[in-house]
Amino acid sequence: MDNAKFYEAFDWGSFTDAEINVKNILKTIPEDVQSIIDVGCGNGLITNVLSEKYTVLGVDRSQKALAFVNSDKLLASCDKIPVANKSFDLVLCSEVLEHLPDDVFYSTINELDRIANKYILISVPNQESINKGMIRCPKCQFVYHRNLHMRSFNHEVFAKLYPTYELIEHKAFGLKVRQYNSFLSRIKHNITPSTSWIPWFWTKNSSRKSFCPNCEIEFENKYKFNFLSLSLDIINILMSSKKRILADGSTKRKKYEY
């Protein structure tokens, strides 16, 4: 869920999770690109590297995050960016779209199209099992994804979102992560305690803090053993495959009609 309070309070100085994404993005950028707008750039982990080779504008809604960006930067929401139509060769949107509620999401999809002169490059978690990461707030009982993800993607989804574009390249990379069967997930979430939904081996103890987007409290999602929950996890291991889930990167080129 796209929660402004959580986003602004985030410790942007310690955020390094996107480092592995930079190399893959650099390899995917077409040779005729000179200018790039990085929409939802955060603290500039990718933007700052790109600025060494390209003319780059980093866009984010957090002034706190933009303080770490070394290139040109703009304070703006991803669904309403005050730049001209077709003003950048390539529009980059990395690890952003999975966090957006429907109204902001579809406006952002249109905004990326409006700004792109040649290409759109999108990176999102690949075919993520959203149900696998669900937790429950101990105060208000709201159930949500622990990383505030709201949707899952594959490259076929983007083919529907951008029907006037052609796919140049698509690749999934990173470690393979096991999916979670939706039927088993429903059983797990309905009849087992929420403290047992995410086993200790899925998430490090140091990463168990969470922010509830509903009542806006921060809490530690402590794990408690539950035999039924563990049994469902074991059955899922036997039933479900693994997929590379770090990112699903798609580069799309505009189709021009003359």
Protein backbone atom coordinates (compact mmCIF):
# COMPACT_ATOMS: atom_id res chain seq x y z
CA MET A 1 0.00 0.00 0.00
CA ASP A 2 1.29 3.43 -0.97
CA ASN A 3 1.51 5.14 2.44
CA ALA A 4 3.05 8.62 2.43
CA LYS A 5 3.90 8.63 6.14
CA PHE A 6 5.86 5.38 5.88
CA TYR A 7 7.62 6.55 2.74
CA GLU A 8 8.80 9.84 4.23
CA ALA A 9 9.91 8.23 7.49
CA PHE A 10 11.97 5.57 5.70
CA ASP A 11 15.72 5.51 6.43
CA TRP A 12 16.89 6.33 2.91
CA GLY A 13 20.51 6.58 3.97
CA SER A 14 20.65 2.86 4.75
CA PHE A 15 18.74 1.63 1.68
CA THR A 16 20.98 -0.48 -0.59
CA ASP A 17 18.61 -3.22 -1.85
CA ALA A 18 18.57 -1.97 -5.46
CA GLU A 19 22.33 -2.27 -6.01
CA ILE A 20 22.02 -5.60 -7.83
CA ASN A 21 19.44 -4.03 -10.13
CA VAL A 22 21.79 -1.35 -11.49
CA LYS A 23 23.96 -3.68 -13.57
CA ASN A 24 20.95 -5.31 -15.22
CA ILE A 25 19.36 -1.95 -16.03
CA LEU A 26 22.56 -0.65 -17.62
CA LYS A 27 22.73 -3.74 -19.85
CA THR A 28 19.12 -3.24 -20.97
CA ILE A 29 19.30 0.43 -22.02
CA PRO A 30 19.30 0.73 -25.85
CA GLU A 31 22.31 2.35 -27.53
CA ASP A 32 20.40 5.33 -28.95
CA VAL A 33 19.33 6.61 -25.52
CA GLN A 34 20.80 9.89 -24.35
CA SER A 35 18.29 11.17 -21.79
CA ILE A 36 16.54 9.26 -18.98
CA ILE A 37 13.92 10.15 -16.40
CA ASP A 38 13.97 7.86 -13.35
CA VAL A 39 10.42 7.88 -11.97
CA GLY A 40 10.28 6.96 -8.29
CA CYS A 41 14.04 7.17 -7.96
CA GLY A 42 14.12 7.00 -4.15
CA ASN A 43 17.58 7.83 -2.84
CA GLY A 44 19.17 7.64 -6.28
CA LEU A 45 20.88 4.25 -6.10
CA ILE A 46 20.19 3.77 -9.80
CA THR A 47 19.90 7.43 -10.80
CA ASN A 48 23.37 8.35 -9.56
CA VAL A 49 24.99 5.55 -11.57
CA LEU A 50 23.04 6.42 -14.72
CA SER A 51 24.05 10.08 -14.43
CA GLU A 52 27.67 9.12 -15.06
CA LYS A 53 26.76 8.26 -18.66
CA TYR A 54 23.37 9.86 -19.46
CA THR A 55 21.46 13.07 -18.95
CA VAL A 56 19.21 12.00 -16.07
CA LEU A 57 16.35 13.50 -14.09
CA GLY A 58 15.45 11.77 -10.83
CA VAL A 59 11.80 12.12 -9.78
CA ASP A 60 10.46 11.27 -6.35
CA ARG A 61 7.80 12.58 -3.99
CA SER A 62 10.11 12.49 -0.94
CA GLN A 63 12.37 15.46 -0.33
CA LYS A 64 14.22 13.31 2.19
CA ALA A 65 15.00 10.67 -0.45
CA LEU A 66 15.99 13.23 -3.09
CA ALA A 67 18.68 14.61 -0.77
CA PHE A 68 20.80 11.59 -1.79
CA VAL A 69 20.34 12.12 -5.55
CA ASN A 70 23.35 13.67 -7.30
CA SER A 71 21.78 14.33 -10.71
CA ASP A 72 19.05 16.81 -11.65
CA LYS A 73 16.01 16.02 -9.52
CA LEU A 74 12.35 16.89 -9.24
CA LEU A 75 9.93 16.61 -6.32
CA ALA A 76 6.75 15.11 -7.78
CA SER A 77 4.37 12.16 -7.53
CA CYS A 78 4.76 9.46 -10.19
CA ASP A 79 1.19 9.96 -11.41
CA LYS A 80 1.61 13.68 -12.10
CA ILE A 81 5.05 14.75 -13.31
CA PRO A 82 5.44 18.36 -14.54
CA VAL A 83 7.58 17.71 -17.63
CA ALA A 84 6.74 18.04 -21.32
CA ASN A 85 5.36 15.26 -23.53
CA LYS A 86 8.01 12.98 -25.07
CA SER A 87 10.74 14.85 -23.21
CA PHE A 88 13.02 11.88 -22.44
CA ASP A 89 14.37 9.11 -24.67
CA LEU A 90 13.79 6.53 -21.96
CA VAL A 91 11.45 6.47 -18.97
CA LEU A 92 12.69 4.22 -16.16
CA CYS A 93 10.37 3.01 -13.40
CA SER A 94 12.06 0.51 -11.08
CA GLU A 95 10.40 -1.27 -8.14
CA VAL A 96 7.59 1.28 -7.89
CA LEU A 97 4.44 0.02 -9.61
CA GLU A 98 3.86 -2.90 -7.22
CA HIS A 99 3.26 -0.41 -4.37
CA LEU A 100 0.58 1.74 -6.02
CA PRO A 101 -3.20 1.65 -5.38
CA ASP A 102 -5.38 1.42 -8.49
CA ASP A 103 -6.05 5.12 -9.05
CA VAL A 104 -2.37 6.09 -8.76
CA PHE A 105 -1.24 3.00 -10.66
CA TYR A 106 -3.25 3.60 -13.84
CA SER A 107 -2.46 7.32 -13.83
CA THR A 108 1.23 6.44 -13.55
CA ILE A 109 1.01 3.99 -16.46
CA ASN A 110 -0.39 6.80 -18.61
CA GLU A 111 2.19 9.28 -17.36
CA LEU A 112 5.11 7.04 -18.31
CA ASP A 113 3.67 6.75 -21.81
CA ARG A 114 3.19 10.52 -22.09
CA ILE A 115 6.79 11.34 -21.18
CA ALA A 116 8.57 8.62 -23.18
CA ASN A 117 9.95 9.66 -26.55
CA LYS A 118 11.33 6.22 -27.44
CA TYR A 119 11.35 3.65 -24.64
CA ILE A 120 9.87 2.63 -21.31
CA LEU A 121 11.97 0.40 -19.05
CA ILE A 122 10.10 -1.15 -16.11
CA SER A 123 11.43 -3.33 -13.32
CA VAL A 124 9.09 -5.07 -10.85
CA PRO A 125 9.10 -8.27 -8.76
CA ASN A 126 8.61 -11.20 -11.12
CA GLN A 127 5.36 -13.16 -10.71
CA GLU A 128 5.40 -12.53 -6.97
CA SER A 129 3.10 -14.58 -4.75
CA ILE A 130 1.58 -11.64 -2.92
CA ASN A 131 -0.26 -14.00 -0.56
CA LYS A 132 3.06 -15.38 0.67
CA GLY A 133 4.04 -12.10 2.32
CA MET A 134 0.78 -11.25 4.07
CA ILE A 135 0.84 -10.26 7.76
CA ARG A 136 -1.74 -8.96 10.23
CA CYS A 137 -1.42 -5.80 12.29
CA PRO A 138 -1.71 -6.70 16.00
CA LYS A 139 -3.50 -3.41 16.77
CA CYS A 140 -6.16 -2.95 14.08
CA GLN A 141 -6.09 -6.52 12.60
CA PHE A 142 -5.57 -5.16 9.09
CA VAL A 143 -4.05 -7.76 6.72
CA TYR A 144 -1.50 -6.49 4.20
CA HIS A 145 1.72 -7.39 2.42
CA ARG A 146 4.73 -6.87 4.66
CA ASN A 147 6.56 -4.91 1.93
CA LEU A 148 3.38 -2.97 1.07
CA HIS A 149 3.09 -4.68 -2.33
CA MET A 150 -0.37 -4.58 -3.88
CA ARG A 151 -0.10 -6.42 -7.21
CA SER A 152 1.88 -9.06 -9.08
CA PHE A 153 3.34 -8.77 -12.59
CA ASN A 154 4.67 -10.66 -15.55
CA HIS A 155 5.55 -9.33 -19.00
CA GLU A 156 2.12 -10.31 -20.38
CA VAL A 157 0.54 -7.80 -17.98
CA PHE A 158 2.56 -4.99 -19.52
CA ALA A 159 1.61 -6.08 -23.02
CA LYS A 160 -1.99 -5.29 -22.06
CA LEU A 161 -1.10 -2.06 -20.26
CA TYR A 162 0.93 -0.79 -23.24
CA PRO A 163 -0.75 -2.22 -26.36
CA THR A 164 0.85 0.39 -28.67
CA TYR A 165 4.39 -0.66 -27.65
CA GLU A 166 6.50 -3.58 -28.79
CA LEU A 167 8.58 -5.63 -26.38
CA ILE A 168 12.30 -5.36 -27.09
CA GLU A 169 13.65 -7.38 -24.20
CA HIS A 170 12.36 -9.14 -21.12
CA LYS A 171 14.38 -10.92 -18.49
CA ALA A 172 14.01 -12.18 -14.94
CA PHE A 173 17.04 -12.36 -12.68
CA GLY A 174 18.04 -12.89 -9.07
CA LEU A 175 17.63 -15.92 -6.83
CA LYS A 176 14.83 -18.39 -7.45
CA VAL A 177 12.08 -18.10 -4.83
CA ARG A 178 9.32 -20.62 -4.25
CA GLN A 179 5.75 -19.60 -5.08
CA TYR A 180 2.88 -20.29 -2.68
CA ASN A 181 -0.19 -22.19 -3.80
CA SER A 182 -3.24 -19.90 -3.53
CA PHE A 183 -5.51 -22.63 -2.10
CA LEU A 184 -3.02 -23.54 0.62
CA SER A 185 -2.50 -19.86 1.32
CA ARG A 186 -6.22 -19.30 1.92
CA ILE A 187 -6.30 -22.18 4.40
CA LYS A 188 -3.20 -20.87 6.14
CA HIS A 189 -4.54 -17.34 6.48
CA ASN A 190 -8.01 -18.43 7.60
CA ILE A 191 -7.27 -21.06 10.24
CA THR A 192 -3.74 -20.46 11.55
CA PRO A 193 -2.46 -17.57 13.71
CA SER A 194 -0.95 -14.69 11.77
CA THR A 195 2.26 -14.91 13.78
CA SER A 196 2.97 -18.21 12.02
CA TRP A 197 2.24 -17.08 8.45
CA ILE A 198 5.82 -16.06 7.66
CA PRO A 199 8.26 -18.72 8.98
CA TRP A 200 11.50 -17.69 10.65
CA PHE A 201 13.53 -18.96 7.67
CA TRP A 202 11.73 -16.64 5.19
CA THR A 203 12.73 -13.41 6.89
CA LYS A 204 15.71 -12.45 9.04
CA ASN A 205 14.90 -11.33 12.56
CA SER A 206 16.48 -7.96 11.76
CA SER A 207 13.93 -7.48 8.94
CA ARG A 208 10.78 -8.30 10.87
CA LYS A 209 9.76 -4.74 11.67
CA SER A 210 6.68 -3.62 9.75
CA PHE A 211 4.56 -0.53 9.30
CA CYS A 212 0.78 -0.90 9.20
CA PRO A 213 -0.61 1.27 6.38
CA ASN A 214 -4.05 1.29 8.02
CA CYS A 215 -3.43 2.47 11.60
CA GLU A 216 0.16 3.61 10.94
CA ILE A 217 1.91 1.85 13.80
CA GLU A 218 5.29 0.17 13.57
CA PHE A 219 5.65 -3.26 15.14
CA GLU A 220 7.83 -6.34 15.08
CA ASN A 221 6.27 -9.30 13.30
CA LYS A 222 7.54 -11.99 15.67
CA TYR A 223 7.26 -15.61 14.57
CA LYS A 224 5.54 -18.24 16.70
CA PHE A 225 5.59 -21.91 15.78
CA ASN A 226 2.35 -23.50 14.62
CA PHE A 227 2.23 -27.14 13.53
CA LEU A 228 -0.58 -26.70 10.97
CA SER A 229 1.11 -23.71 9.39
CA LEU A 230 4.38 -25.62 9.09
CA SER A 231 2.54 -28.60 7.59
CA LEU A 232 0.99 -26.37 4.91
CA ASP A 233 4.43 -24.92 4.15
CA ILE A 234 5.84 -28.41 3.66
CA ILE A 235 2.96 -29.40 1.37
CA ASN A 236 3.56 -26.22 -0.61
CA ILE A 237 7.23 -27.12 -1.06
CA LEU A 238 6.12 -30.37 -2.70
CA MET A 239 3.52 -28.63 -4.92
CA SER A 240 5.01 -25.29 -5.97
CA SER A 241 7.88 -24.34 -8.25
CA LYS A 242 10.55 -21.68 -7.85
CA LYS A 243 10.86 -18.59 -10.03
CA ARG A 244 13.44 -15.86 -10.31
CA ILE A 245 11.65 -13.16 -8.40
CA LEU A 246 14.09 -10.32 -7.80
CA ALA A 247 12.85 -8.39 -10.80
CA ASP A 248 10.95 -8.72 -14.02
CA GLY A 249 12.50 -6.16 -16.35
CA SER A 250 10.82 -5.19 -19.60
CA THR A 251 12.01 -2.68 -22.16
CA LYS A 252 9.31 -1.47 -24.49
CA ARG A 253 9.60 0.70 -27.58
CA LYS A 254 6.90 2.95 -28.95
CA LYS A 255 5.29 1.87 -32.19
CA TYR A 256 4.96 4.88 -34.40
CA GLU A 257 2.33 5.01 -37.14
CA TYR A 258 2.99 7.27 -40.12
